[in-house]
Amino acid sequence: MNIMTEAGVEQKLAQRTNEPPIKMKGEKVNVHYGEKRALFDVDLDVRENQVTALIGPSGCGKSTFLRCLNRMNDTIDIARVSGKITLDGEDVYDPKIDVVELRARVGMVFQKPNPFPKSIYENVAYGPRIHGLAKSKADLDGIVESSLKKAGLFNEVKDRLLESGTGLSGGQQQRLCIARAIAVSPEVILMDEPCSALDPIATARVEELIDELRENYTIVIVTHSMQQAARVSQRTAMFHLGYLVEEGATEKMFTNPDDKRTQDYITGRFG
């Protein structure tokens, strides 16, 4: 008898409803920082090749949830995560999971651009080198060039690859960090307010880039900007005081949300 895996069943259902398959899934996710509870029983699906935006006022739990997806909360001593988070049906908190491997599959771009104090080339080459993804210098050169091209940065830096990544402008540094995340061939890219430190022109460039990247990657973005969430995402999840208030197609969430708190937040009544 052919017993389908849970991920296989999800895939079949997704095909039937024309929804992209579920790439990551959170079930009853709770997070405590010491005695303080930061997330309460969050259930959220992240669909393949879509941008899912997490919105809500400061301190509502959206970045905490994002950090659960690649176990970044493991780096905080007092953080305790319970519930279940899966990637392609596999529990990412299973003790057998290699966290370094997980973070290669689920990459992260932070709020403030944080290039390594190394050359532009070395910033991008670092991940593929430690993960053994390049067999030769020519392979590595190819990965660096292709990652910088995908991040829309190659033409601006091709003649200065040996210069320090920290010498780039803020917007270029953030695109370098995106190239660095892409270089290890992740399946999911997490972005924690990637444009909050950028000017409007750099922000527009990163937003265009996010739209291009979702053809090949699944993206989850935390943003304070309602306009940005509306522009870049296909799904939006609204958090408030550690609870997931509602989640749905971005267009519906912004025009006809089910919950009054979402309506109030989007129209600027609080937050």
C-alpha atoms as a PDB file:
ATOM      1  CA  MET A   1       0.000   0.000   0.000  1.00  0.00           C
ATOM      2  CA  ASN A   2       1.322   3.420  -0.931  1.00  0.00           C
ATOM      3  CA  ILE A   3       1.195   5.658   2.130  1.00  0.00           C
ATOM      4  CA  MET A   4       1.754   9.259   1.140  1.00  0.00           C
ATOM      5  CA  THR A   5       3.879  11.488   3.342  1.00  0.00           C
ATOM      6  CA  GLU A   6       2.287  14.522   4.955  1.00  0.00           C
ATOM      7  CA  ALA A   7       4.275  16.756   2.565  1.00  0.00           C
ATOM      8  CA  GLY A   8       3.018  14.659  -0.382  1.00  0.00           C
ATOM      9  CA  VAL A   9      -0.613  15.100   0.697  1.00  0.00           C
ATOM     10  CA  GLU A  10      -0.067  18.881   1.030  1.00  0.00           C
ATOM     11  CA  GLN A  11       1.406  18.891  -2.488  1.00  0.00           C
ATOM     12  CA  LYS A  12      -1.621  17.083  -3.955  1.00  0.00           C
ATOM     13  CA  LEU A  13      -4.073  19.407  -2.202  1.00  0.00           C
ATOM     14  CA  ALA A  14      -2.107  22.452  -3.388  1.00  0.00           C
ATOM     15  CA  GLN A  15      -2.252  21.214  -6.996  1.00  0.00           C
ATOM     16  CA  ARG A  16      -6.004  20.735  -6.720  1.00  0.00           C
ATOM     17  CA  THR A  17      -6.608  24.235  -5.387  1.00  0.00           C
ATOM     18  CA  ASN A  18      -4.037  25.925  -7.667  1.00  0.00           C
ATOM     19  CA  GLU A  19      -2.198  27.089  -4.553  1.00  0.00           C
ATOM     20  CA  PRO A  20       1.583  26.723  -4.545  1.00  0.00           C
ATOM     21  CA  PRO A  21       2.700  23.851  -2.292  1.00  0.00           C
ATOM     22  CA  ILE A  22       3.612  24.545   1.328  1.00  0.00           C
ATOM     23  CA  LYS A  23       7.375  24.952   1.736  1.00  0.00           C
ATOM     24  CA  MET A  24       7.490  25.651   5.492  1.00  0.00           C
ATOM     25  CA  LYS A  25       4.794  25.159   8.086  1.00  0.00           C
ATOM     26  CA  GLY A  26       4.496  26.368  11.658  1.00  0.00           C
ATOM     27  CA  GLU A  27       2.104  24.498  13.981  1.00  0.00           C
ATOM     28  CA  LYS A  28       1.297  25.658  17.509  1.00  0.00           C
ATOM     29  CA  VAL A  29       4.585  27.583  17.695  1.00  0.00           C
ATOM     30  CA  ASN A  30       5.265  29.101  21.127  1.00  0.00           C
ATOM     31  CA  VAL A  31       8.337  31.067  22.154  1.00  0.00           C
ATOM     32  CA  HIS A  32       9.395  32.066  25.671  1.00  0.00           C
ATOM     33  CA  TYR A  33      12.271  34.388  26.520  1.00  0.00           C
ATOM     34  CA  GLY A  34      12.842  33.343  30.115  1.00  0.00           C
ATOM     35  CA  GLU A  35       9.483  33.883  31.853  1.00  0.00           C
ATOM     36  CA  LYS A  36       8.114  36.140  29.108  1.00  0.00           C
ATOM     37  CA  ARG A  37       6.004  34.491  26.436  1.00  0.00           C
ATOM     38  CA  ALA A  38       6.559  36.075  23.022  1.00  0.00           C
ATOM     39  CA  LEU A  39       4.458  33.817  20.737  1.00  0.00           C
ATOM     40  CA  PHE A  40       1.180  32.010  21.407  1.00  0.00           C
ATOM     41  CA  ASP A  41       0.237  28.886  19.364  1.00  0.00           C
ATOM     42  CA  VAL A  42       1.077  30.321  15.943  1.00  0.00           C
ATOM     43  CA  ASP A  43      -0.073  28.269  12.930  1.00  0.00           C
ATOM     44  CA  LEU A  44       1.273  29.601   9.630  1.00  0.00           C
ATOM     45  CA  ASP A  45       1.973  28.099   6.191  1.00  0.00           C
ATOM     46  CA  VAL A  46       4.702  29.534   3.956  1.00  0.00           C
ATOM     47  CA  ARG A  47       4.071  28.692   0.309  1.00  0.00           C
ATOM     48  CA  GLU A  48       6.703  27.925  -2.297  1.00  0.00           C
ATOM     49  CA  ASN A  49       7.904  30.709  -4.629  1.00  0.00           C
ATOM     50  CA  GLN A  50       5.788  33.326  -2.919  1.00  0.00           C
ATOM     51  CA  VAL A  51       6.660  36.284  -0.730  1.00  0.00           C
ATOM     52  CA  THR A  52       4.946  36.066   2.657  1.00  0.00           C
ATOM     53  CA  ALA A  53       4.985  39.376   4.567  1.00  0.00           C
ATOM     54  CA  LEU A  54       4.764  39.416   8.371  1.00  0.00           C
ATOM     55  CA  ILE A  55       3.264  42.688   9.616  1.00  0.00           C
ATOM     56  CA  GLY A  56       2.176  44.135  12.947  1.00  0.00           C
ATOM     57  CA  PRO A  57       3.240  46.730  15.531  1.00  0.00           C
ATOM     58  CA  SER A  58       6.665  46.656  17.220  1.00  0.00           C
ATOM     59  CA  GLY A  59       7.066  43.826  19.705  1.00  0.00           C
ATOM     60  CA  CYS A  60       4.183  41.779  18.246  1.00  0.00           C
ATOM     61  CA  GLY A  61       6.262  38.644  17.595  1.00  0.00           C
ATOM     62  CA  LYS A  62       6.821  38.812  13.844  1.00  0.00           C
ATOM     63  CA  SER A  63      10.661  38.836  14.008  1.00  0.00           C
ATOM     64  CA  THR A  64      10.546  36.190  16.747  1.00  0.00           C
ATOM     65  CA  PHE A  65       8.534  33.912  14.443  1.00  0.00           C
ATOM     66  CA  LEU A  66      10.866  34.625  11.515  1.00  0.00           C
ATOM     67  CA  ARG A  67      13.877  33.625  13.642  1.00  0.00           C
ATOM     68  CA  CYS A  68      12.186  30.313  14.510  1.00  0.00           C
ATOM     69  CA  LEU A  69      12.220  29.281  10.840  1.00  0.00           C
ATOM     70  CA  ASN A  70      16.010  28.818  10.726  1.00  0.00           C
ATOM     71  CA  ARG A  71      16.539  28.360  14.464  1.00  0.00           C
ATOM     72  CA  MET A  72      18.214  31.727  14.981  1.00  0.00           C
ATOM     73  CA  ASN A  73      16.521  31.796  18.395  1.00  0.00           C
ATOM     74  CA  ASP A  74      18.922  28.976  19.341  1.00  0.00           C
ATOM     75  CA  THR A  75      21.578  31.684  19.660  1.00  0.00           C
ATOM     76  CA  ILE A  76      19.643  33.307  22.546  1.00  0.00           C
ATOM     77  CA  ASP A  77      20.301  31.461  25.820  1.00  0.00           C
ATOM     78  CA  ILE A  78      16.951  32.235  27.427  1.00  0.00           C
ATOM     79  CA  ALA A  79      14.833  31.472  24.331  1.00  0.00           C
ATOM     80  CA  ARG A  80      12.659  28.346  24.386  1.00  0.00           C
ATOM     81  CA  VAL A  81      10.702  27.256  21.310  1.00  0.00           C
ATOM     82  CA  SER A  82       7.910  24.653  21.321  1.00  0.00           C
ATOM     83  CA  GLY A  83       5.469  23.445  18.695  1.00  0.00           C
ATOM     84  CA  LYS A  84       6.488  22.210  15.261  1.00  0.00           C
ATOM     85  CA  ILE A  85       8.131  23.856  12.258  1.00  0.00           C
ATOM     86  CA  THR A  86       8.682  21.841   9.101  1.00  0.00           C
ATOM     87  CA  LEU A  87      10.650  22.400   5.892  1.00  0.00           C
ATOM     88  CA  ASP A  88       9.337  20.143   3.106  1.00  0.00           C
ATOM     89  CA  GLY A  89       7.580  18.124   5.808  1.00  0.00           C
ATOM     90  CA  GLU A  90      10.748  17.613   7.888  1.00  0.00           C
ATOM     91  CA  ASP A  91      10.808  18.914  11.483  1.00  0.00           C
ATOM     92  CA  VAL A  92      13.586  21.546  11.643  1.00  0.00           C
ATOM     93  CA  TYR A  93      13.836  21.129  15.443  1.00  0.00           C
ATOM     94  CA  ASP A  94      14.501  17.395  15.165  1.00  0.00           C
ATOM     95  CA  PRO A  95      17.727  16.696  17.144  1.00  0.00           C
ATOM     96  CA  LYS A  96      19.140  14.939  14.050  1.00  0.00           C
ATOM     97  CA  ILE A  97      18.970  18.149  11.992  1.00  0.00           C
ATOM     98  CA  ASP A  98      22.314  19.847  11.319  1.00  0.00           C
ATOM     99  CA  VAL A  99      21.659  23.516  12.141  1.00  0.00           C
ATOM    100  CA  VAL A 100      24.488  24.738   9.864  1.00  0.00           C
ATOM    101  CA  GLU A 101      22.913  22.794   6.991  1.00  0.00           C
ATOM    102  CA  LEU A 102      19.462  24.163   7.878  1.00  0.00           C
ATOM    103  CA  ARG A 103      20.737  27.759   7.773  1.00  0.00           C
ATOM    104  CA  ALA A 104      22.240  27.101   4.342  1.00  0.00           C
ATOM    105  CA  ARG A 105      18.792  25.946   3.137  1.00  0.00           C
ATOM    106  CA  VAL A 106      16.979  28.764   4.965  1.00  0.00           C
ATOM    107  CA  GLY A 107      19.163  31.856   4.528  1.00  0.00           C
ATOM    108  CA  MET A 108      18.722  35.170   6.318  1.00  0.00           C
ATOM    109  CA  VAL A 109      19.157  38.839   5.453  1.00  0.00           C
ATOM    110  CA  PHE A 110      19.159  41.157   8.454  1.00  0.00           C
ATOM    111  CA  GLN A 111      17.775  44.627   9.080  1.00  0.00           C
ATOM    112  CA  LYS A 112      21.147  46.356   8.985  1.00  0.00           C
ATOM    113  CA  PRO A 113      23.471  45.382   6.145  1.00  0.00           C
ATOM    114  CA  ASN A 114      26.259  43.331   7.751  1.00  0.00           C
ATOM    115  CA  PRO A 115      28.922  42.487   5.172  1.00  0.00           C
ATOM    116  CA  PHE A 116      32.006  40.730   6.501  1.00  0.00           C
ATOM    117  CA  PRO A 117      35.109  42.966   6.756  1.00  0.00           C
ATOM    118  CA  LYS A 118      36.468  41.171   3.690  1.00  0.00           C
ATOM    119  CA  SER A 119      36.537  41.816  -0.049  1.00  0.00           C
ATOM    120  CA  ILE A 120      33.309  41.807  -2.061  1.00  0.00           C
ATOM    121  CA  TYR A 121      34.454  38.523  -3.637  1.00  0.00           C
ATOM    122  CA  GLU A 122      35.216  36.893  -0.275  1.00  0.00           C
ATOM    123  CA  ASN A 123      31.854  37.960   1.174  1.00  0.00           C
ATOM    124  CA  VAL A 124      30.077  35.908  -1.472  1.00  0.00           C
ATOM    125  CA  ALA A 125      32.656  33.086  -1.702  1.00  0.00           C
ATOM    126  CA  TYR A 126      32.736  32.410   2.046  1.00  0.00           C
ATOM    127  CA  GLY A 127      29.563  30.263   2.277  1.00  0.00           C
ATOM    128  CA  PRO A 128      30.166  28.090  -0.814  1.00  0.00           C
ATOM    129  CA  ARG A 129      33.742  27.526   0.367  1.00  0.00           C
ATOM    130  CA  ILE A 130      32.823  26.321   3.890  1.00  0.00           C
ATOM    131  CA  HIS A 131      29.967  24.176   2.536  1.00  0.00           C
ATOM    132  CA  GLY A 132      32.230  22.624  -0.126  1.00  0.00           C
ATOM    133  CA  LEU A 133      30.014  23.743  -3.004  1.00  0.00           C
ATOM    134  CA  ALA A 134      32.886  24.615  -5.372  1.00  0.00           C
ATOM    135  CA  LYS A 135      35.330  22.009  -6.659  1.00  0.00           C
ATOM    136  CA  SER A 136      37.735  24.547  -8.158  1.00  0.00           C
ATOM    137  CA  LYS A 137      38.599  28.248  -8.260  1.00  0.00           C
ATOM    138  CA  ALA A 138      36.708  28.477 -11.578  1.00  0.00           C
ATOM    139  CA  ASP A 139      33.598  26.999  -9.894  1.00  0.00           C
ATOM    140  CA  LEU A 140      33.887  29.517  -7.075  1.00  0.00           C
ATOM    141  CA  ASP A 141      34.322  32.408  -9.539  1.00  0.00           C
ATOM    142  CA  GLY A 142      31.154  31.231 -11.306  1.00  0.00           C
ATOM    143  CA  ILE A 143      29.139  31.063  -8.070  1.00  0.00           C
ATOM    144  CA  VAL A 144      30.314  34.557  -7.014  1.00  0.00           C
ATOM    145  CA  GLU A 145      29.471  36.080 -10.408  1.00  0.00           C
ATOM    146  CA  SER A 146      26.092  34.381 -10.675  1.00  0.00           C
ATOM    147  CA  SER A 147      25.102  35.320  -7.090  1.00  0.00           C
ATOM    148  CA  LEU A 148      26.074  38.960  -7.622  1.00  0.00           C
ATOM    149  CA  LYS A 149      24.100  38.979 -10.883  1.00  0.00           C
ATOM    150  CA  LYS A 150      21.016  37.509  -9.183  1.00  0.00           C
ATOM    151  CA  ALA A 151      21.340  40.204  -6.497  1.00  0.00           C
ATOM    152  CA  GLY A 152      21.486  42.880  -9.218  1.00  0.00           C
ATOM    153  CA  LEU A 153      24.942  44.016  -8.098  1.00  0.00           C
ATOM    154  CA  PHE A 154      27.480  42.488 -10.490  1.00  0.00           C
ATOM    155  CA  ASN A 155      27.642  45.343 -13.009  1.00  0.00           C
ATOM    156  CA  GLU A 156      28.243  47.859 -10.217  1.00  0.00           C
ATOM    157  CA  VAL A 157      31.106  45.938  -8.583  1.00  0.00           C
ATOM    158  CA  LYS A 158      32.679  43.721 -11.282  1.00  0.00           C
ATOM    159  CA  ASP A 159      35.814  45.894 -11.456  1.00  0.00           C
ATOM    160  CA  ARG A 160      36.247  46.114  -7.676  1.00  0.00           C
ATOM    161  CA  LEU A 161      35.679  42.569  -6.442  1.00  0.00           C
ATOM    162  CA  LEU A 162      38.849  42.700  -4.348  1.00  0.00           C
ATOM    163  CA  GLU A 163      37.812  45.914  -2.568  1.00  0.00           C
ATOM    164  CA  SER A 164      36.198  45.741   0.871  1.00  0.00           C
ATOM    165  CA  GLY A 165      32.470  45.034   1.008  1.00  0.00           C
ATOM    166  CA  THR A 166      32.160  47.596   3.799  1.00  0.00           C
ATOM    167  CA  GLY A 167      33.135  50.351   1.340  1.00  0.00           C
ATOM    168  CA  LEU A 168      29.883  49.984  -0.631  1.00  0.00           C
ATOM    169  CA  SER A 169      26.820  52.207  -0.150  1.00  0.00           C
ATOM    170  CA  GLY A 170      24.080  50.990   2.237  1.00  0.00           C
ATOM    171  CA  GLY A 171      21.867  49.725  -0.580  1.00  0.00           C
ATOM    172  CA  GLN A 172      24.773  47.969  -2.271  1.00  0.00           C
ATOM    173  CA  GLN A 173      25.820  46.400   1.034  1.00  0.00           C
ATOM    174  CA  GLN A 174      22.316  44.991   1.511  1.00  0.00           C
ATOM    175  CA  ARG A 175      22.364  43.545  -2.017  1.00  0.00           C
ATOM    176  CA  LEU A 176      25.802  42.080  -1.236  1.00  0.00           C
ATOM    177  CA  CYS A 177      24.260  40.397   1.832  1.00  0.00           C
ATOM    178  CA  ILE A 178      21.478  39.038  -0.403  1.00  0.00           C
ATOM    179  CA  ALA A 179      24.142  37.731  -2.843  1.00  0.00           C
ATOM    180  CA  ARG A 180      25.921  36.126   0.124  1.00  0.00           C
ATOM    181  CA  ALA A 181      22.664  34.386   1.167  1.00  0.00           C
ATOM    182  CA  ILE A 182      21.976  33.205  -2.411  1.00  0.00           C
ATOM    183  CA  ALA A 183      25.518  31.848  -2.903  1.00  0.00           C
ATOM    184  CA  VAL A 184      24.857  28.673  -0.888  1.00  0.00           C
ATOM    185  CA  SER A 185      21.736  27.889  -2.981  1.00  0.00           C
ATOM    186  CA  PRO A 186      19.108  28.276  -0.259  1.00  0.00           C
ATOM    187  CA  GLU A 187      15.504  27.232  -0.771  1.00  0.00           C
ATOM    188  CA  VAL A 188      14.043  29.887   1.531  1.00  0.00           C
ATOM    189  CA  ILE A 189      15.279  33.429   2.208  1.00  0.00           C
ATOM    190  CA  LEU A 190      14.219  35.193   5.420  1.00  0.00           C
ATOM    191  CA  MET A 191      14.408  38.997   5.417  1.00  0.00           C
ATOM    192  CA  ASP A 192      14.080  40.950   8.662  1.00  0.00           C
ATOM    193  CA  GLU A 193      13.162  44.518   7.661  1.00  0.00           C
ATOM    194  CA  PRO A 194      15.791  44.492   4.902  1.00  0.00           C
ATOM    195  CA  CYS A 195      15.046  48.061   3.789  1.00  0.00           C
ATOM    196  CA  SER A 196      14.646  49.878   7.108  1.00  0.00           C
ATOM    197  CA  ALA A 197      18.187  51.333   6.955  1.00  0.00           C
ATOM    198  CA  LEU A 198      17.978  52.246   3.249  1.00  0.00           C
ATOM    199  CA  ASP A 199      16.995  55.369   1.312  1.00  0.00           C
ATOM    200  CA  PRO A 200      13.938  55.258  -1.013  1.00  0.00           C
ATOM    201  CA  ILE A 201      15.967  54.572  -4.186  1.00  0.00           C
ATOM    202  CA  ALA A 202      17.892  51.679  -2.604  1.00  0.00           C
ATOM    203  CA  THR A 203      14.617  50.396  -1.111  1.00  0.00           C
ATOM    204  CA  ALA A 204      12.959  50.371  -4.549  1.00  0.00           C
ATOM    205  CA  ARG A 205      15.921  48.418  -5.962  1.00  0.00           C
ATOM    206  CA  VAL A 206      15.731  45.794  -3.193  1.00  0.00           C
ATOM    207  CA  GLU A 207      11.945  45.497  -3.656  1.00  0.00           C
ATOM    208  CA  GLU A 208      12.413  44.875  -7.396  1.00  0.00           C
ATOM    209  CA  LEU A 209      15.013  42.290  -6.501  1.00  0.00           C
ATOM    210  CA  ILE A 210      12.640  40.499  -4.087  1.00  0.00           C
ATOM    211  CA  ASP A 211      10.092  40.255  -6.895  1.00  0.00           C
ATOM    212  CA  GLU A 212      12.705  38.718  -9.224  1.00  0.00           C
ATOM    213  CA  LEU A 213      14.048  36.325  -6.569  1.00  0.00           C
ATOM    214  CA  ARG A 214      10.705  34.703  -5.797  1.00  0.00           C
ATOM    215  CA  GLU A 215      10.844  32.894  -9.149  1.00  0.00           C
ATOM    216  CA  ASN A 216      13.571  30.707  -7.633  1.00  0.00           C
ATOM    217  CA  TYR A 217      13.204  31.127  -3.872  1.00  0.00           C
ATOM    218  CA  THR A 218      10.531  31.167  -1.189  1.00  0.00           C
ATOM    219  CA  ILE A 219      10.740  34.459   0.732  1.00  0.00           C
ATOM    220  CA  VAL A 220       9.461  35.518   4.147  1.00  0.00           C
ATOM    221  CA  ILE A 221       9.836  39.213   4.940  1.00  0.00           C
ATOM    222  CA  VAL A 222       9.200  41.153   8.144  1.00  0.00           C
ATOM    223  CA  THR A 223       8.330  44.762   7.360  1.00  0.00           C
ATOM    224  CA  HIS A 224       7.006  47.798   9.196  1.00  0.00           C
ATOM    225  CA  SER A 225       5.986  49.380   5.897  1.00  0.00           C
ATOM    226  CA  MET A 226       2.424  48.609   4.876  1.00  0.00           C
ATOM    227  CA  GLN A 227       3.157  49.908   1.375  1.00  0.00           C
ATOM    228  CA  GLN A 228       6.118  47.547   1.086  1.00  0.00           C
ATOM    229  CA  ALA A 229       4.074  44.539   2.224  1.00  0.00           C
ATOM    230  CA  ALA A 230       1.382  45.445  -0.319  1.00  0.00           C
ATOM    231  CA  ARG A 231       3.946  45.872  -3.110  1.00  0.00           C
ATOM    232  CA  VAL A 232       6.161  42.820  -2.657  1.00  0.00           C
ATOM    233  CA  SER A 233       4.089  40.025  -1.097  1.00  0.00           C
ATOM    234  CA  GLN A 234       1.467  37.550  -2.267  1.00  0.00           C
ATOM    235  CA  ARG A 235       0.479  36.501   1.288  1.00  0.00           C
ATOM    236  CA  THR A 236       0.374  38.617   4.440  1.00  0.00           C
ATOM    237  CA  ALA A 237       0.229  37.530   8.086  1.00  0.00           C
ATOM    238  CA  MET A 238      -0.805  40.002  10.783  1.00  0.00           C
ATOM    239  CA  PHE A 239       0.673  39.595  14.280  1.00  0.00           C
ATOM    240  CA  HIS A 240      -0.467  41.362  17.467  1.00  0.00           C
ATOM    241  CA  LEU A 241       0.801  40.845  21.036  1.00  0.00           C
ATOM    242  CA  GLY A 242       2.349  37.486  20.166  1.00  0.00           C
ATOM    243  CA  TYR A 243      -0.734  36.103  18.393  1.00  0.00           C
ATOM    244  CA  LEU A 244      -1.277  35.518  14.685  1.00  0.00           C
ATOM    245  CA  VAL A 245      -4.422  37.576  14.130  1.00  0.00           C
ATOM    246  CA  GLU A 246      -5.071  36.440  10.550  1.00  0.00           C
ATOM    247  CA  GLU A 247      -3.309  35.446   7.345  1.00  0.00           C
ATOM    248  CA  GLY A 248      -4.359  35.479   3.736  1.00  0.00           C
ATOM    249  CA  ALA A 249      -3.852  36.766   0.205  1.00  0.00           C
ATOM    250  CA  THR A 250      -2.228  40.200   0.441  1.00  0.00           C
ATOM    251  CA  GLU A 251      -4.856  41.903  -1.698  1.00  0.00           C
ATOM    252  CA  LYS A 252      -7.669  40.668   0.526  1.00  0.00           C
ATOM    253  CA  MET A 253      -5.780  41.505   3.724  1.00  0.00           C
ATOM    254  CA  PHE A 254      -5.314  45.094   2.582  1.00  0.00           C
ATOM    255  CA  THR A 255      -8.787  45.663   1.146  1.00  0.00           C
ATOM    256  CA  ASN A 256     -11.106  43.436   3.152  1.00  0.00           C
ATOM    257  CA  PRO A 257      -9.457  41.925   6.254  1.00  0.00           C
ATOM    258  CA  ASP A 258     -11.539  39.664   8.510  1.00  0.00           C
ATOM    259  CA  ASP A 259     -10.263  41.093  11.804  1.00  0.00           C
ATOM    260  CA  LYS A 260     -10.821  44.649  13.006  1.00  0.00           C
ATOM    261  CA  ARG A 261      -7.273  44.767  14.471  1.00  0.00           C
ATOM    262  CA  THR A 262      -5.835  44.212  10.986  1.00  0.00           C
ATOM    263  CA  GLN A 263      -8.067  46.952   9.590  1.00  0.00           C
ATOM    264  CA  ASP A 264      -7.036  49.330  12.377  1.00  0.00           C
ATOM    265  CA  TYR A 265      -3.336  48.604  11.959  1.00  0.00           C
ATOM    266  CA  ILE A 266      -3.371  48.963   8.175  1.00  0.00           C
ATOM    267  CA  THR A 267      -5.283  52.250   8.348  1.00  0.00           C
ATOM    268  CA  GLY A 268      -2.895  53.616  10.975  1.00  0.00           C
ATOM    269  CA  ARG A 269      -5.237  53.650  13.986  1.00  0.00           C
ATOM    270  CA  PHE A 270      -2.582  51.911  16.071  1.00  0.00           C
ATOM    271  CA  GLY A 271       0.968  50.615  15.748  1.00  0.00           C
END
